[in-house]
C-alpha atoms as a PDB file:
ATOM      1  CA  MET A   1     -84.177  48.465 -27.716  1.00  0.00           C
ATOM      2  CA  ALA A   2     -86.198  50.650 -25.517  1.00  0.00           C
ATOM      3  CA  ASP A   3     -88.139  47.892 -23.729  1.00  0.00           C
ATOM      4  CA  ALA A   4     -85.007  46.025 -22.600  1.00  0.00           C
ATOM      5  CA  ALA A   5     -83.147  49.141 -21.690  1.00  0.00           C
ATOM      6  CA  THR A   6     -86.166  50.449 -19.670  1.00  0.00           C
ATOM      7  CA  GLY A   7     -86.173  47.042 -17.877  1.00  0.00           C
ATOM      8  CA  ILE A   8     -82.617  47.455 -16.956  1.00  0.00           C
ATOM      9  CA  ALA A   9     -83.115  51.023 -15.755  1.00  0.00           C
ATOM     10  CA  ALA A  10     -86.075  50.187 -13.709  1.00  0.00           C
ATOM     11  CA  THR A  11     -84.006  47.280 -12.054  1.00  0.00           C
ATOM     12  CA  VAL A  12     -81.106  49.522 -11.227  1.00  0.00           C
ATOM     13  CA  GLU A  13     -83.558  52.158  -9.654  1.00  0.00           C
ATOM     14  CA  THR A  14     -85.096  49.510  -7.516  1.00  0.00           C
ATOM     15  CA  ASN A  15     -81.926  47.827  -6.227  1.00  0.00           C
ATOM     16  CA  GLY A  16     -79.970  51.217  -5.690  1.00  0.00           C
ATOM     17  CA  SER A  17     -76.734  52.412  -7.163  1.00  0.00           C
ATOM     18  CA  ALA A  18     -75.104  50.013  -9.661  1.00  0.00           C
ATOM     19  CA  GLY A  19     -71.797  51.793  -9.304  1.00  0.00           C
ATOM     20  CA  ASN A  20     -70.237  49.958  -6.352  1.00  0.00           C
ATOM     21  CA  THR A  21     -66.671  49.376  -7.586  1.00  0.00           C
ATOM     22  CA  ALA A  22     -64.949  48.962  -4.213  1.00  0.00           C
ATOM     23  CA  GLN A  23     -63.836  45.374  -5.128  1.00  0.00           C
ATOM     24  CA  TYR A  24     -63.058  46.134  -8.712  1.00  0.00           C
ATOM     25  CA  VAL A  25     -59.118  46.309  -9.010  1.00  0.00           C
ATOM     26  CA  PHE A  26     -59.341  48.835 -11.786  1.00  0.00           C
ATOM     27  CA  GLY A  27     -62.140  50.914 -10.091  1.00  0.00           C
ATOM     28  CA  THR A  28     -59.650  53.808  -9.242  1.00  0.00           C
ATOM     29  CA  ALA A  29     -58.983  57.283 -10.241  1.00  0.00           C
ATOM     30  CA  PHE A  30     -56.036  56.370 -12.465  1.00  0.00           C
ATOM     31  CA  GLN A  31     -55.643  59.301 -14.730  1.00  0.00           C
ATOM     32  CA  ARG A  32     -54.708  57.394 -17.892  1.00  0.00           C
ATOM     33  CA  GLU A  33     -57.626  54.867 -17.651  1.00  0.00           C
ATOM     34  CA  ASP A  34     -59.169  56.069 -20.810  1.00  0.00           C
ATOM     35  CA  GLU A  35     -55.832  55.568 -22.686  1.00  0.00           C
ATOM     36  CA  ARG A  36     -55.504  52.090 -21.133  1.00  0.00           C
ATOM     37  CA  LEU A  37     -59.094  51.042 -22.289  1.00  0.00           C
ATOM     38  CA  SER A  38     -58.432  52.415 -25.799  1.00  0.00           C
ATOM     39  CA  LEU A  39     -55.331  50.407 -26.178  1.00  0.00           C
ATOM     40  CA  GLY A  40     -57.112  47.374 -24.808  1.00  0.00           C
ATOM     41  CA  GLU A  41     -59.587  47.805 -27.663  1.00  0.00           C
ATOM     42  CA  ARG A  42     -56.843  48.155 -30.241  1.00  0.00           C
ATOM     43  CA  LEU A  43     -55.244  44.843 -28.900  1.00  0.00           C
ATOM     44  CA  TRP A  44     -58.413  42.677 -28.527  1.00  0.00           C
ATOM     45  CA  ASP A  45     -61.170  43.976 -30.764  1.00  0.00           C
ATOM     46  CA  PRO A  46     -60.014  42.304 -33.994  1.00  0.00           C
ATOM     47  CA  GLY A  47     -60.224  38.859 -32.422  1.00  0.00           C
ATOM     48  CA  THR A  48     -63.586  39.670 -30.696  1.00  0.00           C
ATOM     49  CA  ILE A  49     -65.150  40.950 -33.980  1.00  0.00           C
ATOM     50  CA  SER A  50     -63.958  37.918 -35.826  1.00  0.00           C
ATOM     51  CA  ARG A  51     -65.810  35.647 -33.441  1.00  0.00           C
ATOM     52  CA  LEU A  52     -68.931  37.839 -33.161  1.00  0.00           C
ATOM     53  CA  SER A  53     -69.126  38.036 -36.983  1.00  0.00           C
ATOM     54  CA  THR A  54     -70.035  34.374 -37.045  1.00  0.00           C
ATOM     55  CA  LEU A  55     -73.242  34.936 -35.091  1.00  0.00           C
ATOM     56  CA  GLY A  56     -75.187  36.692 -37.755  1.00  0.00           C
ATOM     57  CA  ILE A  57     -75.511  40.115 -35.877  1.00  0.00           C
ATOM     58  CA  GLY A  58     -77.421  42.537 -37.948  1.00  0.00           C
ATOM     59  CA  PRO A  59     -80.760  44.248 -38.495  1.00  0.00           C
ATOM     60  CA  GLY A  60     -83.271  42.706 -36.214  1.00  0.00           C
ATOM     61  CA  SER A  61     -80.607  41.415 -33.759  1.00  0.00           C
ATOM     62  CA  ARG A  62     -80.905  42.549 -30.157  1.00  0.00           C
ATOM     63  CA  CYS A  63     -77.568  42.687 -28.457  1.00  0.00           C
ATOM     64  CA  LEU A  64     -76.380  43.327 -24.844  1.00  0.00           C
ATOM     65  CA  GLU A  65     -72.675  44.513 -24.290  1.00  0.00           C
ATOM     66  CA  VAL A  66     -71.684  43.864 -20.707  1.00  0.00           C
ATOM     67  CA  GLY A  67     -68.845  45.881 -19.401  1.00  0.00           C
ATOM     68  CA  ALA A  68     -68.907  48.120 -22.420  1.00  0.00           C
ATOM     69  CA  GLY A  69     -65.874  50.110 -21.490  1.00  0.00           C
ATOM     70  CA  ARG A  70     -65.280  52.813 -24.130  1.00  0.00           C
ATOM     71  CA  GLY A  71     -67.937  51.184 -26.287  1.00  0.00           C
ATOM     72  CA  SER A  72     -66.053  49.887 -29.360  1.00  0.00           C
ATOM     73  CA  ILE A  73     -67.773  46.592 -29.572  1.00  0.00           C
ATOM     74  CA  ALA A  74     -71.178  47.979 -28.853  1.00  0.00           C
ATOM     75  CA  ALA A  75     -70.665  50.564 -31.651  1.00  0.00           C
ATOM     76  CA  TRP A  76     -69.628  47.823 -34.115  1.00  0.00           C
ATOM     77  CA  MET A  77     -72.818  45.913 -33.265  1.00  0.00           C
ATOM     78  CA  ALA A  78     -74.869  49.192 -33.861  1.00  0.00           C
ATOM     79  CA  GLU A  79     -73.020  49.910 -37.088  1.00  0.00           C
ATOM     80  CA  ARG A  80     -74.119  46.401 -38.405  1.00  0.00           C
ATOM     81  CA  GLY A  81     -77.824  47.375 -37.687  1.00  0.00           C
ATOM     82  CA  ALA A  82     -78.347  45.707 -34.469  1.00  0.00           C
ATOM     83  CA  ALA A  83     -80.362  47.125 -31.479  1.00  0.00           C
ATOM     84  CA  VAL A  84     -77.762  47.388 -28.725  1.00  0.00           C
ATOM     85  CA  THR A  85     -77.771  47.922 -25.047  1.00  0.00           C
ATOM     86  CA  ALA A  86     -74.470  48.792 -23.428  1.00  0.00           C
ATOM     87  CA  VAL A  87     -74.023  48.389 -19.631  1.00  0.00           C
ATOM     88  CA  ASP A  88     -71.148  49.194 -17.472  1.00  0.00           C
ATOM     89  CA  ILE A  89     -70.571  50.277 -13.850  1.00  0.00           C
ATOM     90  CA  ASP A  90     -69.051  53.437 -15.288  1.00  0.00           C
ATOM     91  CA  THR A  91     -70.960  54.952 -18.365  1.00  0.00           C
ATOM     92  CA  SER A  92     -68.965  58.134 -18.427  1.00  0.00           C
ATOM     93  CA  ARG A  93     -67.016  56.881 -21.656  1.00  0.00           C
ATOM     94  CA  LEU A  94     -70.201  55.673 -23.439  1.00  0.00           C
ATOM     95  CA  ASP A  95     -71.964  59.043 -24.353  1.00  0.00           C
ATOM     96  CA  ARG A  96     -70.991  58.636 -27.939  1.00  0.00           C
ATOM     97  CA  LEU A  97     -72.907  55.533 -28.252  1.00  0.00           C
ATOM     98  CA  ARG A  98     -76.167  57.404 -27.886  1.00  0.00           C
ATOM     99  CA  GLY A  99     -75.557  59.000 -31.232  1.00  0.00           C
ATOM    100  CA  LEU A 100     -75.572  55.503 -32.735  1.00  0.00           C
ATOM    101  CA  GLY A 101     -78.970  54.704 -31.097  1.00  0.00           C
ATOM    102  CA  VAL A 102     -77.312  52.557 -28.462  1.00  0.00           C
ATOM    103  CA  ALA A 103     -79.085  52.395 -25.008  1.00  0.00           C
ATOM    104  CA  VAL A 104     -76.685  52.984 -22.205  1.00  0.00           C
ATOM    105  CA  CYS A 105     -77.418  52.043 -18.614  1.00  0.00           C
ATOM    106  CA  GLN A 106     -75.309  52.018 -15.650  1.00  0.00           C
ATOM    107  CA  VAL A 107     -75.415  48.420 -14.223  1.00  0.00           C
ATOM    108  CA  ASP A 108     -73.261  46.299 -11.938  1.00  0.00           C
ATOM    109  CA  VAL A 109     -73.999  42.767 -12.985  1.00  0.00           C
ATOM    110  CA  ARG A 110     -73.076  41.670  -9.374  1.00  0.00           C
ATOM    111  CA  THR A 111     -76.137  43.352  -7.997  1.00  0.00           C
ATOM    112  CA  GLY A 112     -78.446  44.436 -10.720  1.00  0.00           C
ATOM    113  CA  ALA A 113     -80.803  42.299 -12.656  1.00  0.00           C
ATOM    114  CA  LEU A 114     -81.037  42.020 -16.470  1.00  0.00           C
ATOM    115  CA  PRO A 115     -84.131  41.553 -18.505  1.00  0.00           C
ATOM    116  CA  VAL A 116     -85.125  37.957 -19.049  1.00  0.00           C
ATOM    117  CA  ALA A 117     -85.261  36.424 -22.440  1.00  0.00           C
ATOM    118  CA  ALA A 118     -84.456  39.720 -24.086  1.00  0.00           C
ATOM    119  CA  TYR A 119     -81.379  39.330 -26.305  1.00  0.00           C
ATOM    120  CA  ASP A 120     -80.140  37.364 -29.248  1.00  0.00           C
ATOM    121  CA  VAL A 121     -76.417  38.004 -28.380  1.00  0.00           C
ATOM    122  CA  VAL A 122     -74.954  38.705 -24.786  1.00  0.00           C
ATOM    123  CA  HIS A 123     -71.169  39.496 -24.899  1.00  0.00           C
ATOM    124  CA  ALA A 124     -68.874  40.195 -21.985  1.00  0.00           C
ATOM    125  CA  ARG A 125     -65.115  40.644 -22.316  1.00  0.00           C
ATOM    126  CA  LEU A 126     -62.875  40.751 -19.399  1.00  0.00           C
ATOM    127  CA  VAL A 127     -65.677  40.919 -17.046  1.00  0.00           C
ATOM    128  CA  VAL A 128     -66.421  37.531 -15.463  1.00  0.00           C
ATOM    129  CA  GLN A 129     -62.911  37.133 -14.307  1.00  0.00           C
ATOM    130  CA  HIS A 130     -63.376  40.132 -11.910  1.00  0.00           C
ATOM    131  CA  LEU A 131     -66.577  38.904 -10.393  1.00  0.00           C
ATOM    132  CA  GLY A 132     -67.010  37.286  -7.029  1.00  0.00           C
ATOM    133  CA  ASP A 133     -69.935  34.831  -7.696  1.00  0.00           C
ATOM    134  CA  ARG A 134     -69.027  34.049 -11.202  1.00  0.00           C
ATOM    135  CA  ALA A 135     -71.534  31.114 -11.556  1.00  0.00           C
ATOM    136  CA  ALA A 136     -74.444  33.439 -10.551  1.00  0.00           C
ATOM    137  CA  ALA A 137     -73.288  36.094 -12.913  1.00  0.00           C
ATOM    138  CA  VAL A 138     -73.115  33.654 -15.773  1.00  0.00           C
ATOM    139  CA  ARG A 139     -76.583  32.303 -15.108  1.00  0.00           C
ATOM    140  CA  ALA A 140     -78.012  35.834 -15.198  1.00  0.00           C
ATOM    141  CA  LEU A 141     -76.337  36.480 -18.624  1.00  0.00           C
ATOM    142  CA  CYS A 142     -77.770  33.165 -19.843  1.00  0.00           C
ATOM    143  CA  ALA A 143     -81.234  34.083 -18.466  1.00  0.00           C
ATOM    144  CA  ALA A 144     -81.046  37.438 -20.574  1.00  0.00           C
ATOM    145  CA  LEU A 145     -80.971  35.405 -23.770  1.00  0.00           C
ATOM    146  CA  ARG A 146     -83.828  34.568 -26.008  1.00  0.00           C
ATOM    147  CA  PRO A 147     -84.164  31.003 -26.963  1.00  0.00           C
ATOM    148  CA  GLY A 148     -81.723  30.379 -29.673  1.00  0.00           C
ATOM    149  CA  GLY A 149     -79.396  33.175 -28.480  1.00  0.00           C
ATOM    150  CA  HIS A 150     -75.783  33.123 -27.955  1.00  0.00           C
ATOM    151  CA  LEU A 151     -73.812  33.950 -24.850  1.00  0.00           C
ATOM    152  CA  VAL A 152     -70.062  35.075 -25.712  1.00  0.00           C
ATOM    153  CA  LEU A 153     -67.634  35.270 -22.791  1.00  0.00           C
ATOM    154  CA  GLU A 154     -64.012  36.487 -23.249  1.00  0.00           C
ATOM    155  CA  ASP A 155     -61.692  36.192 -20.382  1.00  0.00           C
ATOM    156  CA  THR A 156     -57.787  35.586 -20.200  1.00  0.00           C
ATOM    157  CA  ASP A 157     -55.570  32.766 -19.025  1.00  0.00           C
ATOM    158  CA  THR A 158     -52.428  34.509 -17.766  1.00  0.00           C
ATOM    159  CA  ALA A 159     -49.972  31.541 -18.034  1.00  0.00           C
ATOM    160  CA  SER A 160     -48.331  32.821 -21.221  1.00  0.00           C
ATOM    161  CA  LEU A 161     -48.108  36.413 -20.370  1.00  0.00           C
ATOM    162  CA  PHE A 162     -44.562  37.743 -20.839  1.00  0.00           C
ATOM    163  CA  SER A 163     -43.151  34.436 -22.361  1.00  0.00           C
ATOM    164  CA  HIS A 164     -39.946  35.846 -23.870  1.00  0.00           C
ATOM    165  CA  ALA A 165     -37.401  34.054 -26.300  1.00  0.00           C
ATOM    166  CA  ALA A 166     -34.752  34.983 -23.908  1.00  0.00           C
ATOM    167  CA  GLY A 167     -36.480  33.305 -20.763  1.00  0.00           C
ATOM    168  CA  PRO A 168     -38.402  34.940 -17.848  1.00  0.00           C
ATOM    169  CA  PHE A 169     -39.342  38.482 -18.581  1.00  0.00           C
ATOM    170  CA  HIS A 170     -39.932  40.288 -15.223  1.00  0.00           C
ATOM    171  CA  PRO A 171     -41.606  37.462 -13.476  1.00  0.00           C
ATOM    172  CA  GLU A 172     -41.394  39.177 -10.196  1.00  0.00           C
ATOM    173  CA  VAL A 173     -43.494  42.119 -11.307  1.00  0.00           C
ATOM    174  CA  LYS A 174     -45.978  39.806 -13.109  1.00  0.00           C
ATOM    175  CA  ARG A 175     -46.497  37.782  -9.860  1.00  0.00           C
ATOM    176  CA  ALA A 176     -46.898  41.019  -7.844  1.00  0.00           C
ATOM    177  CA  ALA A 177     -49.359  42.641 -10.282  1.00  0.00           C
ATOM    178  CA  TYR A 178     -51.577  39.412 -10.402  1.00  0.00           C
ATOM    179  CA  ALA A 179     -51.357  38.986  -6.479  1.00  0.00           C
ATOM    180  CA  VAL A 180     -52.925  42.497  -6.188  1.00  0.00           C
ATOM    181  CA  MET A 181     -55.652  41.399  -8.718  1.00  0.00           C
ATOM    182  CA  VAL A 182     -56.396  38.094  -6.970  1.00  0.00           C
ATOM    183  CA  GLU A 183     -56.813  39.981  -3.732  1.00  0.00           C
ATOM    184  CA  SER A 184     -59.589  41.912  -5.251  1.00  0.00           C
ATOM    185  CA  GLY A 185     -61.207  38.865  -6.567  1.00  0.00           C
ATOM    186  CA  TYR A 186     -59.715  38.268  -9.946  1.00  0.00           C
ATOM    187  CA  HIS A 187     -59.316  34.748 -11.367  1.00  0.00           C
ATOM    188  CA  PRO A 188     -56.081  34.303 -13.370  1.00  0.00           C
ATOM    189  CA  ARG A 189     -57.299  31.227 -15.360  1.00  0.00           C
ATOM    190  CA  CYS A 190     -60.874  32.424 -15.760  1.00  0.00           C
ATOM    191  CA  GLY A 191     -60.788  31.975 -19.550  1.00  0.00           C
ATOM    192  CA  LEU A 192     -60.661  28.218 -19.234  1.00  0.00           C
ATOM    193  CA  LEU A 193     -63.218  28.312 -16.202  1.00  0.00           C
ATOM    194  CA  ASP A 194     -65.642  29.995 -18.420  1.00  0.00           C
ATOM    195  CA  VAL A 195     -66.070  26.770 -20.319  1.00  0.00           C
ATOM    196  CA  ASP A 196     -67.302  25.097 -17.315  1.00  0.00           C
ATOM    197  CA  LEU A 197     -69.430  27.988 -16.208  1.00  0.00           C
ATOM    198  CA  VAL A 198     -71.247  28.208 -19.485  1.00  0.00           C
ATOM    199  CA  THR A 199     -71.755  24.423 -19.636  1.00  0.00           C
ATOM    200  CA  ALA A 200     -73.047  24.506 -16.053  1.00  0.00           C
ATOM    201  CA  ALA A 201     -75.458  27.198 -16.780  1.00  0.00           C
ATOM    202  CA  GLY A 202     -77.168  24.912 -19.227  1.00  0.00           C
ATOM    203  CA  LEU A 203     -76.243  26.285 -22.709  1.00  0.00           C
ATOM    204  CA  SER A 204     -75.770  23.993 -25.662  1.00  0.00           C
ATOM    205  CA  ASP A 205     -73.091  23.746 -28.286  1.00  0.00           C
ATOM    206  CA  VAL A 206     -70.594  25.160 -26.139  1.00  0.00           C
ATOM    207  CA  ARG A 207     -67.313  25.788 -28.108  1.00  0.00           C
ATOM    208  CA  ALA A 208     -64.206  27.804 -27.044  1.00  0.00           C
ATOM    209  CA  ASP A 209     -60.896  28.892 -28.496  1.00  0.00           C
ATOM    210  CA  GLY A 210     -57.904  30.944 -27.373  1.00  0.00           C
ATOM    211  CA  ARG A 211     -55.654  33.629 -29.109  1.00  0.00           C
ATOM    212  CA  ALA A 212     -52.433  35.063 -27.846  1.00  0.00           C
ATOM    213  CA  GLU A 213     -50.966  38.165 -29.405  1.00  0.00           C
ATOM    214  CA  VAL A 214     -47.240  38.616 -30.141  1.00  0.00           C
ATOM    215  CA  VAL A 215     -46.371  42.091 -28.748  1.00  0.00           C
ATOM    216  CA  ARG A 216     -43.366  44.185 -29.426  1.00  0.00           C
ATOM    217  CA  GLY A 217     -41.985  46.723 -27.177  1.00  0.00           C
ATOM    218  CA  GLY A 218     -42.595  50.411 -27.956  1.00  0.00           C
ATOM    219  CA  THR A 219     -46.037  49.761 -29.799  1.00  0.00           C
ATOM    220  CA  PRO A 220     -49.394  50.974 -28.820  1.00  0.00           C
ATOM    221  CA  GLU A 221     -50.198  47.490 -27.940  1.00  0.00           C
ATOM    222  CA  SER A 222     -47.113  47.257 -25.524  1.00  0.00           C
ATOM    223  CA  ARG A 223     -48.378  50.397 -23.952  1.00  0.00           C
ATOM    224  CA  TRP A 224     -51.470  48.739 -22.742  1.00  0.00           C
ATOM    225  CA  PHE A 225     -49.268  46.319 -20.673  1.00  0.00           C
ATOM    226  CA  ALA A 226     -47.186  49.221 -19.425  1.00  0.00           C
ATOM    227  CA  LEU A 227     -50.279  51.193 -18.213  1.00  0.00           C
ATOM    228  CA  TRP A 228     -51.652  47.915 -16.503  1.00  0.00           C
ATOM    229  CA  LEU A 229     -48.373  47.961 -14.374  1.00  0.00           C
ATOM    230  CA  GLU A 230     -48.747  51.737 -13.807  1.00  0.00           C
ATOM    231  CA  HIS A 231     -52.363  51.350 -12.754  1.00  0.00           C
ATOM    232  CA  LEU A 232     -51.371  48.674 -10.162  1.00  0.00           C
ATOM    233  CA  ARG A 233     -48.236  50.307  -9.109  1.00  0.00           C
ATOM    234  CA  PRO A 234     -49.429  51.931  -6.011  1.00  0.00           C
ATOM    235  CA  ALA A 235     -51.186  48.640  -4.820  1.00  0.00           C
ATOM    236  CA  MET A 236     -48.044  46.567  -5.670  1.00  0.00           C
ATOM    237  CA  LEU A 237     -45.922  48.827  -3.634  1.00  0.00           C
ATOM    238  CA  ALA A 238     -48.365  48.888  -0.737  1.00  0.00           C
ATOM    239  CA  ALA A 239     -48.186  45.079  -0.657  1.00  0.00           C
ATOM    240  CA  VAL A 240     -44.405  45.150  -0.711  1.00  0.00           C
ATOM    241  CA  LYS A 241     -44.055  42.694   1.977  1.00  0.00           C
ATOM    242  CA  GLU A 242     -46.105  40.128   0.302  1.00  0.00           C
ATOM    243  CA  SER A 243     -44.805  40.757  -3.183  1.00  0.00           C
ATOM    244  CA  SER A 244     -41.163  41.805  -2.631  1.00  0.00           C
ATOM    245  CA  VAL A 245     -41.333  43.989  -5.612  1.00  0.00           C
ATOM    246  CA  SER A 246     -39.668  47.435  -5.574  1.00  0.00           C
ATOM    247  CA  GLU A 247     -40.251  50.618  -7.415  1.00  0.00           C
ATOM    248  CA  MET A 248     -37.076  49.971  -9.286  1.00  0.00           C
ATOM    249  CA  ASP A 249     -38.438  46.607 -10.507  1.00  0.00           C
ATOM    250  CA  ILE A 250     -41.506  48.186 -11.910  1.00  0.00           C
ATOM    251  CA  ASP A 251     -39.510  51.001 -13.372  1.00  0.00           C
ATOM    252  CA  ARG A 252     -37.351  48.470 -15.166  1.00  0.00           C
ATOM    253  CA  ALA A 253     -40.294  46.455 -16.340  1.00  0.00           C
ATOM    254  CA  VAL A 254     -42.111  49.554 -17.840  1.00  0.00           C
ATOM    255  CA  ALA A 255     -38.865  50.646 -19.583  1.00  0.00           C
ATOM    256  CA  ASP A 256     -38.377  47.142 -21.150  1.00  0.00           C
ATOM    257  CA  LEU A 257     -41.976  47.099 -22.334  1.00  0.00           C
ATOM    258  CA  ALA A 258     -41.287  50.365 -24.227  1.00  0.00           C
ATOM    259  CA  ASP A 259     -38.016  48.856 -25.862  1.00  0.00           C
ATOM    260  CA  PRO A 260     -38.595  47.473 -29.479  1.00  0.00           C
ATOM    261  CA  ARG A 261     -35.695  45.002 -28.843  1.00  0.00           C
ATOM    262  CA  HIS A 262     -38.120  42.852 -26.698  1.00  0.00           C
ATOM    263  CA  THR A 263     -40.889  40.750 -28.009  1.00  0.00           C
ATOM    264  CA  TRP A 264     -43.359  38.665 -25.806  1.00  0.00           C
ATOM    265  CA  LEU A 265     -46.639  36.845 -25.730  1.00  0.00           C
ATOM    266  CA  SER A 266     -49.766  38.346 -24.288  1.00  0.00           C
ATOM    267  CA  GLN A 267     -52.235  36.387 -22.097  1.00  0.00           C
ATOM    268  CA  VAL A 268     -54.487  33.914 -23.852  1.00  0.00           C
ATOM    269  CA  MET A 269     -57.810  35.438 -24.501  1.00  0.00           C
ATOM    270  CA  VAL A 270     -60.266  32.521 -24.355  1.00  0.00           C
ATOM    271  CA  THR A 271     -63.668  33.019 -26.209  1.00  0.00           C
ATOM    272  CA  VAL A 272     -66.521  30.786 -25.089  1.00  0.00           C
ATOM    273  CA  ILE A 273     -69.725  30.621 -26.910  1.00  0.00           C
ATOM    274  CA  GLY A 274     -72.804  28.788 -25.985  1.00  0.00           C
ATOM    275  CA  ARG A 275     -76.369  28.707 -27.324  1.00  0.00           C
ATOM    276  CA  LYS A 276     -79.650  28.858 -25.327  1.00  0.00           C
ATOM    277  CA  ASP A 277     -81.971  26.000 -26.493  1.00  0.00           C
ATOM    278  CA  VAL A 278     -85.180  26.829 -28.312  1.00  0.00           C
ATOM    279  CA  GLN A 279     -87.999  25.710 -26.154  1.00  0.00           C
END
């Protein structure tokens, strides 16, 4: 993977720092961010791996993991024998990947170019929904594909989140949290939007499916949602006039998320896969 990784590094050096996270809603100094990312892997990795497994990733494959986070999916690709490059705006959690032969590069896909026609699989989970010019980002990811390669985008649709058998489950806190995220450029229905973006970028055989998880309070999976609220708590309270959510509202929601008597639906994670035509 040295050639592609060298190309990324050279681009970042030319364009300046790739670490501009000013508009990224989770680009803060939240002390439990590593835990939040780890719990997200636990929640979403099984479905991601199930879908990536259909693409024949193995020895000889060249893969790009965009927004690699803690590196679980990049590690899975490498363990299958693929040559892998992992990029993120913050690579501080990716050091362990180097021991697996993964090339790690600090890249902001909003500003840093990627090598052209370099990869068989490009995967980005929970990335595009946070970007401003999503269409341009998806075109750049498509350009990084070799002919015959596959782009895999995974983003969420938030409509189902906190669906509860007893009715609305802290809807005011959900609204306040997403209002903060939208203010930072987040798209709450991006999972569905990805279908249009991938199609418009010119990929073929575009297919999509969605999955939602049933989450019980007091489990590691439920803690991911609690830490989501804790991370956004300062911003929600700072926007109190717009959101009308109080500290007590957030406290009650976090307590209920830890209560095993409650069961709810996650967001829908939409996976969109498209193939670059062979010229």
